[in-house]
Amino acid sequence: MVTGAGRGIGAAYAALLPARGASVIVNDIGTSRIGQGTDSSPAGEQAWLIQQAGGTAEPDRSDISTPDGALSLVDHAVGSFGHLDIVVNNAGIYWTDSFPETDLADLQRQLAVHVGGSFNVARAAWPHLRTSGSGRMVMTTSTGALGSAELVSYGSAKAAVLGLGRALAMAGQPHGIKVNVIAPMAMTRMMNARTSDTVIPDDPQRDPSLVAPLVALLCHEDCPVSGEAYMSGMRRTSRLFLAETEGYTHPSLDLTPEDLLAHWKEINDVSSQHLTPDTYTWSADNQKRLEGGFAG
């Protein structure tokens, strides 16, 4: 099942997965890009297009920002197809902001959809993904999570999704569930930061279909990774990762701010770095190193 799949990037995912043999629930409440109103047609239209192309798809209009809505979505998937193997948490809202003019209500709206919605769907789907034995989940972050003066609330929510995805990857490891995160780069209705919902004219290199192949790979039973994050779009795919430098270890307990300043170059030297942690290669040895004080 793919959330936010009636239009844009989600529709591209929902179109490719059935072409590769999946049966898909197209979830979309048809909200505006800033989360206002509902429209029943996007989910239905996209499901119909998939069916016309020979694929298997059903529309769903559950509101995944609530636990009951997420459970309804999962029940629909399992009721229609008998089991659930793949979840793509794509649904989101988007607007630019400025700080400090943006307020707590703005942040809470972003968190409710991006983080709360992803959490609700993951939680509702988890028992079925565990039963699958090869459950796959793809979360959606953004380069906005890396910092942008115009995306304070949106970027904060997307950074939380990155943390949620990595935590779920750890939780899913004993059950064969693989969870990965993508930061898509494409031009859609959602990326139009102006007041109109009209899609900005774009070039073919920014088409959402160029993001879909990575999602299909991460959804496959032979997906080679878990707990990873990738940027994808415009024909380019790259790994996004967190790392720490080798840093500086003070020889005694009398550490002072002056000591840190004196070793500032060592603290910030990126020539030697360690993933923090590398969830794909996480093992008992890594856990011992963590307990010993080094999360490398």
C-alpha atoms as a PDB file:
ATOM      1  CA  MET A   1       0.000   0.000   0.000  1.00  0.00           C
ATOM      2  CA  VAL A   2       1.159   3.499  -0.903  1.00  0.00           C
ATOM      3  CA  THR A   3      -0.056   6.562   0.988  1.00  0.00           C
ATOM      4  CA  GLY A   4      -0.543   9.847  -0.829  1.00  0.00           C
ATOM      5  CA  ALA A   5      -0.655   7.849  -4.053  1.00  0.00           C
ATOM      6  CA  GLY A   6      -3.377   9.680  -5.961  1.00  0.00           C
ATOM      7  CA  ARG A   7      -1.033  12.217  -7.516  1.00  0.00           C
ATOM      8  CA  GLY A   8       2.611  13.166  -7.918  1.00  0.00           C
ATOM      9  CA  ILE A   9       5.416  10.953  -6.647  1.00  0.00           C
ATOM     10  CA  GLY A  10       3.051   8.578  -4.860  1.00  0.00           C
ATOM     11  CA  ALA A  11       1.162   7.971  -8.096  1.00  0.00           C
ATOM     12  CA  ALA A  12       4.446   7.099  -9.818  1.00  0.00           C
ATOM     13  CA  TYR A  13       5.183   4.521  -7.109  1.00  0.00           C
ATOM     14  CA  ALA A  14       1.652   3.124  -7.304  1.00  0.00           C
ATOM     15  CA  ALA A  15       1.966   2.761 -11.081  1.00  0.00           C
ATOM     16  CA  LEU A  16       5.333   0.983 -11.124  1.00  0.00           C
ATOM     17  CA  LEU A  17       4.679  -1.545  -8.351  1.00  0.00           C
ATOM     18  CA  PRO A  18       1.717  -3.246 -10.127  1.00  0.00           C
ATOM     19  CA  ALA A  19       3.736  -3.274 -13.345  1.00  0.00           C
ATOM     20  CA  ARG A  20       6.237  -5.395 -11.406  1.00  0.00           C
ATOM     21  CA  GLY A  21       3.604  -7.757 -10.018  1.00  0.00           C
ATOM     22  CA  ALA A  22       2.318  -6.137  -6.819  1.00  0.00           C
ATOM     23  CA  SER A  23      -1.321  -5.601  -5.906  1.00  0.00           C
ATOM     24  CA  VAL A  24      -1.619  -2.048  -4.619  1.00  0.00           C
ATOM     25  CA  ILE A  25      -3.885  -0.037  -2.349  1.00  0.00           C
ATOM     26  CA  VAL A  26      -3.858   3.572  -3.580  1.00  0.00           C
ATOM     27  CA  ASN A  27      -4.390   5.671  -0.457  1.00  0.00           C
ATOM     28  CA  ASP A  28      -5.161   9.378  -0.786  1.00  0.00           C
ATOM     29  CA  ILE A  29      -7.684  11.676   0.888  1.00  0.00           C
ATOM     30  CA  GLY A  30      -7.219  14.242  -1.869  1.00  0.00           C
ATOM     31  CA  THR A  31      -6.094  17.122   0.294  1.00  0.00           C
ATOM     32  CA  SER A  32      -4.513  20.299  -1.026  1.00  0.00           C
ATOM     33  CA  ARG A  33      -0.740  20.537  -0.846  1.00  0.00           C
ATOM     34  CA  ILE A  34      -1.068  22.481   2.429  1.00  0.00           C
ATOM     35  CA  GLY A  35      -3.418  19.917   3.948  1.00  0.00           C
ATOM     36  CA  GLN A  36      -6.784  21.579   3.438  1.00  0.00           C
ATOM     37  CA  GLY A  37      -9.975  19.914   2.250  1.00  0.00           C
ATOM     38  CA  THR A  38     -10.541  16.477   0.746  1.00  0.00           C
ATOM     39  CA  ASP A  39     -11.253  15.132  -2.721  1.00  0.00           C
ATOM     40  CA  SER A  40     -12.296  11.544  -3.374  1.00  0.00           C
ATOM     41  CA  SER A  41     -11.265  11.530  -7.030  1.00  0.00           C
ATOM     42  CA  PRO A  42      -7.419  11.270  -7.022  1.00  0.00           C
ATOM     43  CA  ALA A  43      -7.317   7.820  -5.375  1.00  0.00           C
ATOM     44  CA  GLY A  44     -10.070   6.483  -7.604  1.00  0.00           C
ATOM     45  CA  GLU A  45      -8.613   7.903 -10.788  1.00  0.00           C
ATOM     46  CA  GLN A  46      -5.136   6.539 -10.105  1.00  0.00           C
ATOM     47  CA  ALA A  47      -6.477   3.081  -9.224  1.00  0.00           C
ATOM     48  CA  TRP A  48      -8.498   3.119 -12.449  1.00  0.00           C
ATOM     49  CA  LEU A  49      -5.418   4.018 -14.503  1.00  0.00           C
ATOM     50  CA  ILE A  50      -3.519   1.116 -12.960  1.00  0.00           C
ATOM     51  CA  GLN A  51      -6.373  -1.255 -13.717  1.00  0.00           C
ATOM     52  CA  GLN A  52      -6.555  -0.022 -17.330  1.00  0.00           C
ATOM     53  CA  ALA A  53      -2.847  -0.797 -17.664  1.00  0.00           C
ATOM     54  CA  GLY A  54      -3.484  -4.377 -16.536  1.00  0.00           C
ATOM     55  CA  GLY A  55      -2.488  -3.969 -12.883  1.00  0.00           C
ATOM     56  CA  THR A  56      -4.342  -4.755  -9.683  1.00  0.00           C
ATOM     57  CA  ALA A  57      -5.229  -1.748  -7.544  1.00  0.00           C
ATOM     58  CA  GLU A  58      -7.951  -0.454  -5.250  1.00  0.00           C
ATOM     59  CA  PRO A  59      -8.521   3.108  -4.036  1.00  0.00           C
ATOM     60  CA  ASP A  60      -8.544   3.992  -0.354  1.00  0.00           C
ATOM     61  CA  ARG A  61      -9.439   7.330   1.228  1.00  0.00           C
ATOM     62  CA  SER A  62      -8.516   6.694   4.869  1.00  0.00           C
ATOM     63  CA  ASP A  63      -6.979   9.586   6.820  1.00  0.00           C
ATOM     64  CA  ILE A  64      -3.668   8.162   8.018  1.00  0.00           C
ATOM     65  CA  SER A  65      -3.000  11.128  10.318  1.00  0.00           C
ATOM     66  CA  THR A  66      -5.249   9.305  12.830  1.00  0.00           C
ATOM     67  CA  PRO A  67      -4.674   5.826  14.308  1.00  0.00           C
ATOM     68  CA  ASP A  68      -8.177   4.729  13.280  1.00  0.00           C
ATOM     69  CA  GLY A  69      -7.570   5.893   9.709  1.00  0.00           C
ATOM     70  CA  ALA A  70      -4.295   3.982   9.495  1.00  0.00           C
ATOM     71  CA  LEU A  71      -5.941   0.834  10.852  1.00  0.00           C
ATOM     72  CA  SER A  72      -8.751   1.194   8.316  1.00  0.00           C
ATOM     73  CA  LEU A  73      -6.172   1.393   5.525  1.00  0.00           C
ATOM     74  CA  VAL A  74      -4.391  -1.750   6.701  1.00  0.00           C
ATOM     75  CA  ASP A  75      -7.672  -3.609   7.151  1.00  0.00           C
ATOM     76  CA  HIS A  76      -8.595  -2.669   3.578  1.00  0.00           C
ATOM     77  CA  ALA A  77      -5.313  -4.045   2.233  1.00  0.00           C
ATOM     78  CA  VAL A  78      -5.478  -7.303   4.150  1.00  0.00           C
ATOM     79  CA  GLY A  79      -9.202  -7.721   3.493  1.00  0.00           C
ATOM     80  CA  SER A  80      -8.736  -7.274  -0.259  1.00  0.00           C
ATOM     81  CA  PHE A  81      -5.502  -9.166  -0.842  1.00  0.00           C
ATOM     82  CA  GLY A  82      -5.179 -11.480   2.162  1.00  0.00           C
ATOM     83  CA  HIS A  83      -1.806 -10.222   3.344  1.00  0.00           C
ATOM     84  CA  LEU A  84       0.436  -7.177   3.450  1.00  0.00           C
ATOM     85  CA  ASP A  85       4.098  -7.160   2.393  1.00  0.00           C
ATOM     86  CA  ILE A  86       4.881  -3.572   1.373  1.00  0.00           C
ATOM     87  CA  VAL A  87       4.194  -0.168   2.902  1.00  0.00           C
ATOM     88  CA  VAL A  88       5.283   3.085   1.269  1.00  0.00           C
ATOM     89  CA  ASN A  89       4.760   6.033   3.613  1.00  0.00           C
ATOM     90  CA  ASN A  90       4.630   8.853   1.083  1.00  0.00           C
ATOM     91  CA  ALA A  91       1.708  11.069   2.176  1.00  0.00           C
ATOM     92  CA  GLY A  92       2.685  14.589   3.114  1.00  0.00           C
ATOM     93  CA  ILE A  93       1.886  18.280   3.019  1.00  0.00           C
ATOM     94  CA  TYR A  94       4.170  21.135   2.085  1.00  0.00           C
ATOM     95  CA  TRP A  95       4.565  24.854   2.408  1.00  0.00           C
ATOM     96  CA  THR A  96       7.428  27.269   2.918  1.00  0.00           C
ATOM     97  CA  ASP A  97       7.634  29.401   6.033  1.00  0.00           C
ATOM     98  CA  SER A  98       9.764  31.986   7.796  1.00  0.00           C
ATOM     99  CA  PHE A  99      10.976  32.044  11.370  1.00  0.00           C
ATOM    100  CA  PRO A 100       9.825  33.257  13.869  1.00  0.00           C
ATOM    101  CA  GLU A 101       6.583  34.106  12.037  1.00  0.00           C
ATOM    102  CA  THR A 102       5.730  30.406  11.706  1.00  0.00           C
ATOM    103  CA  ASP A 103       4.094  29.128  14.888  1.00  0.00           C
ATOM    104  CA  LEU A 104       3.577  25.945  16.874  1.00  0.00           C
ATOM    105  CA  ALA A 105       0.341  25.166  15.033  1.00  0.00           C
ATOM    106  CA  ASP A 106       2.263  25.070  11.731  1.00  0.00           C
ATOM    107  CA  LEU A 107       4.795  22.660  13.198  1.00  0.00           C
ATOM    108  CA  GLN A 108       2.097  20.469  14.710  1.00  0.00           C
ATOM    109  CA  ARG A 109       0.277  20.189  11.363  1.00  0.00           C
ATOM    110  CA  GLN A 110       3.478  19.047   9.671  1.00  0.00           C
ATOM    111  CA  LEU A 111       4.270  16.583  12.455  1.00  0.00           C
ATOM    112  CA  ALA A 112       0.731  15.158  12.419  1.00  0.00           C
ATOM    113  CA  VAL A 113       0.951  14.150   8.763  1.00  0.00           C
ATOM    114  CA  HIS A 114       4.628  13.349   8.162  1.00  0.00           C
ATOM    115  CA  VAL A 115       5.579  11.826  11.494  1.00  0.00           C
ATOM    116  CA  GLY A 116       2.235  10.914  13.029  1.00  0.00           C
ATOM    117  CA  GLY A 117       0.903   9.522   9.764  1.00  0.00           C
ATOM    118  CA  SER A 118       4.021   7.437   9.130  1.00  0.00           C
ATOM    119  CA  PHE A 119       3.995   6.205  12.723  1.00  0.00           C
ATOM    120  CA  ASN A 120       0.290   5.323  12.613  1.00  0.00           C
ATOM    121  CA  VAL A 121       0.615   3.365   9.377  1.00  0.00           C
ATOM    122  CA  ALA A 122       3.793   1.586  10.489  1.00  0.00           C
ATOM    123  CA  ARG A 123       2.204   0.581  13.775  1.00  0.00           C
ATOM    124  CA  ALA A 124      -0.995  -0.686  12.160  1.00  0.00           C
ATOM    125  CA  ALA A 125       0.901  -2.584   9.457  1.00  0.00           C
ATOM    126  CA  TRP A 126       3.643  -4.034  11.667  1.00  0.00           C
ATOM    127  CA  PRO A 127       1.933  -7.307  12.705  1.00  0.00           C
ATOM    128  CA  HIS A 128       1.235  -8.112   9.056  1.00  0.00           C
ATOM    129  CA  LEU A 129       4.756  -7.213   7.914  1.00  0.00           C
ATOM    130  CA  ARG A 130       6.100  -9.456  10.658  1.00  0.00           C
ATOM    131  CA  THR A 131       3.876 -12.306   9.476  1.00  0.00           C
ATOM    132  CA  SER A 132       5.100 -11.749   5.925  1.00  0.00           C
ATOM    133  CA  GLY A 133       8.655 -12.631   6.895  1.00  0.00           C
ATOM    134  CA  SER A 134       9.954 -10.238   4.254  1.00  0.00           C
ATOM    135  CA  GLY A 135       8.025  -7.083   5.053  1.00  0.00           C
ATOM    136  CA  ARG A 136       9.283  -3.913   3.410  1.00  0.00           C
ATOM    137  CA  MET A 137       8.680  -0.295   4.359  1.00  0.00           C
ATOM    138  CA  VAL A 138       9.841   2.907   2.679  1.00  0.00           C
ATOM    139  CA  MET A 139       9.667   6.202   4.552  1.00  0.00           C
ATOM    140  CA  THR A 140       9.880   9.658   2.983  1.00  0.00           C
ATOM    141  CA  THR A 141      12.233  12.357   4.218  1.00  0.00           C
ATOM    142  CA  SER A 142      13.535  15.427   2.368  1.00  0.00           C
ATOM    143  CA  THR A 143      16.680  17.433   1.850  1.00  0.00           C
ATOM    144  CA  GLY A 144      14.752  19.997   3.899  1.00  0.00           C
ATOM    145  CA  ALA A 145      15.683  17.849   6.907  1.00  0.00           C
ATOM    146  CA  LEU A 146      19.287  18.985   6.408  1.00  0.00           C
ATOM    147  CA  GLY A 147      18.321  22.599   7.093  1.00  0.00           C
ATOM    148  CA  SER A 148      16.563  25.359   5.178  1.00  0.00           C
ATOM    149  CA  ALA A 149      15.597  28.838   6.355  1.00  0.00           C
ATOM    150  CA  GLU A 150      12.281  28.543   4.474  1.00  0.00           C
ATOM    151  CA  LEU A 151      11.373  25.046   5.686  1.00  0.00           C
ATOM    152  CA  VAL A 152      11.542  25.247   9.463  1.00  0.00           C
ATOM    153  CA  SER A 153       8.373  23.268  10.234  1.00  0.00           C
ATOM    154  CA  TYR A 154       8.504  20.992   7.184  1.00  0.00           C
ATOM    155  CA  GLY A 155      12.216  20.276   7.585  1.00  0.00           C
ATOM    156  CA  SER A 156      11.805  19.509  11.285  1.00  0.00           C
ATOM    157  CA  ALA A 157       9.073  16.980  10.512  1.00  0.00           C
ATOM    158  CA  LYS A 158      11.111  15.352   7.767  1.00  0.00           C
ATOM    159  CA  ALA A 159      14.131  15.075  10.070  1.00  0.00           C
ATOM    160  CA  ALA A 160      11.899  13.255  12.557  1.00  0.00           C
ATOM    161  CA  VAL A 161      10.840  10.834   9.809  1.00  0.00           C
ATOM    162  CA  LEU A 162      14.499  10.017   9.186  1.00  0.00           C
ATOM    163  CA  GLY A 163      14.955   9.139  12.853  1.00  0.00           C
ATOM    164  CA  LEU A 164      11.734   7.142  12.891  1.00  0.00           C
ATOM    165  CA  GLY A 165      12.791   5.139   9.851  1.00  0.00           C
ATOM    166  CA  ARG A 166      16.153   4.217  11.342  1.00  0.00           C
ATOM    167  CA  ALA A 167      14.541   3.190  14.629  1.00  0.00           C
ATOM    168  CA  LEU A 168      11.979   1.031  12.829  1.00  0.00           C
ATOM    169  CA  ALA A 169      14.771  -0.640  10.873  1.00  0.00           C
ATOM    170  CA  MET A 170      16.305  -1.722  14.183  1.00  0.00           C
ATOM    171  CA  ALA A 171      12.939  -2.914  15.500  1.00  0.00           C
ATOM    172  CA  GLY A 172      12.239  -4.837  12.309  1.00  0.00           C
ATOM    173  CA  GLN A 173      15.563  -6.642  12.061  1.00  0.00           C
ATOM    174  CA  PRO A 174      14.581  -9.695  14.155  1.00  0.00           C
ATOM    175  CA  HIS A 175      11.437 -10.150  12.058  1.00  0.00           C
ATOM    176  CA  GLY A 176      12.842  -9.838   8.550  1.00  0.00           C
ATOM    177  CA  ILE A 177      11.300  -6.384   8.118  1.00  0.00           C
ATOM    178  CA  LYS A 178      13.481  -3.950   6.199  1.00  0.00           C
ATOM    179  CA  VAL A 179      12.851  -0.230   6.519  1.00  0.00           C
ATOM    180  CA  ASN A 180      14.580   2.414   4.417  1.00  0.00           C
ATOM    181  CA  VAL A 181      14.156   6.137   3.818  1.00  0.00           C
ATOM    182  CA  ILE A 182      14.228   8.185   0.633  1.00  0.00           C
ATOM    183  CA  ALA A 183      14.533  11.896  -0.074  1.00  0.00           C
ATOM    184  CA  PRO A 184      12.877  12.260  -3.494  1.00  0.00           C
ATOM    185  CA  MET A 185      13.828  15.035  -5.868  1.00  0.00           C
ATOM    186  CA  ALA A 186      11.107  15.699  -8.439  1.00  0.00           C
ATOM    187  CA  MET A 187       8.719  18.441  -9.486  1.00  0.00           C
ATOM    188  CA  THR A 188       5.109  17.889  -8.484  1.00  0.00           C
ATOM    189  CA  ARG A 189       2.077  19.835  -7.329  1.00  0.00           C
ATOM    190  CA  MET A 190       3.392  19.574  -3.764  1.00  0.00           C
ATOM    191  CA  MET A 191       6.554  21.450  -4.617  1.00  0.00           C
ATOM    192  CA  ASN A 192       4.717  24.512  -5.871  1.00  0.00           C
ATOM    193  CA  ALA A 193       5.321  26.872  -2.973  1.00  0.00           C
ATOM    194  CA  ARG A 194       2.995  29.523  -4.373  1.00  0.00           C
ATOM    195  CA  THR A 195      -0.716  29.765  -3.592  1.00  0.00           C
ATOM    196  CA  SER A 196      -1.866  27.922  -6.711  1.00  0.00           C
ATOM    197  CA  ASP A 197      -2.133  24.134  -6.855  1.00  0.00           C
ATOM    198  CA  THR A 198      -1.108  24.189 -10.508  1.00  0.00           C
ATOM    199  CA  VAL A 199       1.978  22.111 -11.232  1.00  0.00           C
ATOM    200  CA  ILE A 200       4.965  24.190 -12.242  1.00  0.00           C
ATOM    201  CA  PRO A 201       6.058  23.390 -15.817  1.00  0.00           C
ATOM    202  CA  ASP A 202       9.057  21.120 -15.471  1.00  0.00           C
ATOM    203  CA  ASP A 203      11.578  19.288 -17.558  1.00  0.00           C
ATOM    204  CA  PRO A 204      11.453  15.483 -18.001  1.00  0.00           C
ATOM    205  CA  GLN A 205      14.459  14.988 -15.754  1.00  0.00           C
ATOM    206  CA  ARG A 206      12.362  16.089 -12.773  1.00  0.00           C
ATOM    207  CA  ASP A 207       9.572  13.615 -13.502  1.00  0.00           C
ATOM    208  CA  PRO A 208       8.467  11.530 -10.480  1.00  0.00           C
ATOM    209  CA  SER A 209       8.849   8.353 -12.535  1.00  0.00           C
ATOM    210  CA  LEU A 210      12.610   8.676 -12.108  1.00  0.00           C
ATOM    211  CA  VAL A 211      12.224   8.255  -8.330  1.00  0.00           C
ATOM    212  CA  ALA A 212       9.970   5.188  -8.527  1.00  0.00           C
ATOM    213  CA  PRO A 213      12.647   2.614  -9.509  1.00  0.00           C
ATOM    214  CA  LEU A 214      14.502   3.077  -6.217  1.00  0.00           C
ATOM    215  CA  VAL A 215      11.283   2.632  -4.264  1.00  0.00           C
ATOM    216  CA  ALA A 216      10.510  -0.554  -6.183  1.00  0.00           C
ATOM    217  CA  LEU A 217      13.974  -1.897  -5.381  1.00  0.00           C
ATOM    218  CA  LEU A 218      13.636  -1.079  -1.685  1.00  0.00           C
ATOM    219  CA  CYS A 219      10.222  -2.798  -1.646  1.00  0.00           C
ATOM    220  CA  HIS A 220      11.471  -6.004  -3.236  1.00  0.00           C
ATOM    221  CA  GLU A 221      12.085  -9.178  -1.246  1.00  0.00           C
ATOM    222  CA  ASP A 222      15.722  -9.029  -2.404  1.00  0.00           C
ATOM    223  CA  CYS A 223      16.233  -5.495  -1.058  1.00  0.00           C
ATOM    224  CA  PRO A 224      19.909  -5.457  -0.017  1.00  0.00           C
ATOM    225  CA  VAL A 225      19.750  -2.914   2.839  1.00  0.00           C
ATOM    226  CA  SER A 226      17.814  -1.741   5.874  1.00  0.00           C
ATOM    227  CA  GLY A 227      18.079   1.447   7.888  1.00  0.00           C
ATOM    228  CA  GLU A 228      19.573   3.398   5.003  1.00  0.00           C
ATOM    229  CA  ALA A 229      18.597   6.724   3.462  1.00  0.00           C
ATOM    230  CA  TYR A 230      18.894   7.666  -0.211  1.00  0.00           C
ATOM    231  CA  MET A 231      18.396  10.733  -2.346  1.00  0.00           C
ATOM    232  CA  SER A 232      16.766   9.957  -5.669  1.00  0.00           C
ATOM    233  CA  GLY A 233      15.652  11.932  -8.688  1.00  0.00           C
ATOM    234  CA  MET A 234      16.751  13.474 -11.969  1.00  0.00           C
ATOM    235  CA  ARG A 235      18.428  10.166 -12.946  1.00  0.00           C
ATOM    236  CA  ARG A 236      20.724  10.291  -9.888  1.00  0.00           C
ATOM    237  CA  THR A 237      20.638   8.070  -6.806  1.00  0.00           C
ATOM    238  CA  SER A 238      22.974   8.615  -3.850  1.00  0.00           C
ATOM    239  CA  ARG A 239      23.328   7.464  -0.280  1.00  0.00           C
ATOM    240  CA  LEU A 240      22.600   9.905   2.528  1.00  0.00           C
ATOM    241  CA  PHE A 241      24.235   8.972   5.818  1.00  0.00           C
ATOM    242  CA  LEU A 242      25.075  10.224   9.298  1.00  0.00           C
ATOM    243  CA  ALA A 243      28.656  10.099  10.463  1.00  0.00           C
ATOM    244  CA  GLU A 244      30.856  11.222  13.310  1.00  0.00           C
ATOM    245  CA  THR A 245      34.480  12.281  13.127  1.00  0.00           C
ATOM    246  CA  GLU A 246      37.237  10.469  14.987  1.00  0.00           C
ATOM    247  CA  GLY A 247      37.136  13.453  17.331  1.00  0.00           C
ATOM    248  CA  TYR A 248      39.296  14.297  20.314  1.00  0.00           C
ATOM    249  CA  THR A 249      39.482  12.372  23.599  1.00  0.00           C
ATOM    250  CA  HIS A 250      40.851  14.302  26.547  1.00  0.00           C
ATOM    251  CA  PRO A 251      43.453  12.367  28.567  1.00  0.00           C
ATOM    252  CA  SER A 252      41.929  13.199  31.979  1.00  0.00           C
ATOM    253  CA  LEU A 253      38.710  14.300  33.681  1.00  0.00           C
ATOM    254  CA  ASP A 254      39.653  17.997  33.869  1.00  0.00           C
ATOM    255  CA  LEU A 255      38.182  18.875  30.461  1.00  0.00           C
ATOM    256  CA  THR A 256      37.680  22.606  29.876  1.00  0.00           C
ATOM    257  CA  PRO A 257      36.219  24.741  27.068  1.00  0.00           C
ATOM    258  CA  GLU A 258      39.780  25.888  26.331  1.00  0.00           C
ATOM    259  CA  ASP A 259      40.851  22.280  25.796  1.00  0.00           C
ATOM    260  CA  LEU A 260      38.080  21.840  23.255  1.00  0.00           C
ATOM    261  CA  LEU A 261      39.018  25.009  21.413  1.00  0.00           C
ATOM    262  CA  ALA A 262      42.657  23.924  21.295  1.00  0.00           C
ATOM    263  CA  HIS A 263      41.630  20.648  19.645  1.00  0.00           C
ATOM    264  CA  TRP A 264      38.828  22.075  17.515  1.00  0.00           C
ATOM    265  CA  LYS A 265      40.525  21.017  14.293  1.00  0.00           C
ATOM    266  CA  GLU A 266      40.673  17.385  15.416  1.00  0.00           C
ATOM    267  CA  ILE A 267      37.037  17.456  16.535  1.00  0.00           C
ATOM    268  CA  ASN A 268      35.919  18.664  13.111  1.00  0.00           C
ATOM    269  CA  ASP A 269      38.354  16.702  10.916  1.00  0.00           C
ATOM    270  CA  VAL A 270      36.203  14.702   8.451  1.00  0.00           C
ATOM    271  CA  SER A 271      39.148  12.819   6.947  1.00  0.00           C
ATOM    272  CA  SER A 272      38.417  10.014   9.405  1.00  0.00           C
ATOM    273  CA  GLN A 273      34.766   9.277  10.079  1.00  0.00           C
ATOM    274  CA  HIS A 274      32.456   6.523  11.275  1.00  0.00           C
ATOM    275  CA  LEU A 275      28.816   5.812  10.522  1.00  0.00           C
ATOM    276  CA  THR A 276      26.552   6.396  13.523  1.00  0.00           C
ATOM    277  CA  PRO A 277      25.410   3.632  13.465  1.00  0.00           C
ATOM    278  CA  ASP A 278      25.449   1.663  10.216  1.00  0.00           C
ATOM    279  CA  THR A 279      22.132  -0.134  10.646  1.00  0.00           C
ATOM    280  CA  TYR A 280      22.737  -2.375   7.651  1.00  0.00           C
ATOM    281  CA  THR A 281      25.835  -3.976   9.199  1.00  0.00           C
ATOM    282  CA  TRP A 282      24.684  -3.699  12.804  1.00  0.00           C
ATOM    283  CA  SER A 283      25.735  -6.767  14.794  1.00  0.00           C
ATOM    284  CA  ALA A 284      26.599  -7.996  18.274  1.00  0.00           C
ATOM    285  CA  ASP A 285      30.122  -6.653  17.762  1.00  0.00           C
ATOM    286  CA  ASN A 286      28.704  -3.203  17.055  1.00  0.00           C
ATOM    287  CA  GLN A 287      26.610  -3.419  20.201  1.00  0.00           C
ATOM    288  CA  LYS A 288      29.699  -4.219  22.277  1.00  0.00           C
ATOM    289  CA  ARG A 289      31.487  -1.227  20.804  1.00  0.00           C
ATOM    290  CA  LEU A 290      28.508   0.977  21.622  1.00  0.00           C
ATOM    291  CA  GLU A 291      28.436  -0.257  25.202  1.00  0.00           C
ATOM    292  CA  GLY A 292      32.150   0.478  25.349  1.00  0.00           C
ATOM    293  CA  GLY A 293      31.495   4.118  24.458  1.00  0.00           C
ATOM    294  CA  PHE A 294      32.070   4.245  20.708  1.00  0.00           C
ATOM    295  CA  ALA A 295      29.183   4.075  18.253  1.00  0.00           C
ATOM    296  CA  GLY A 296      31.149   3.477  15.065  1.00  0.00           C
END
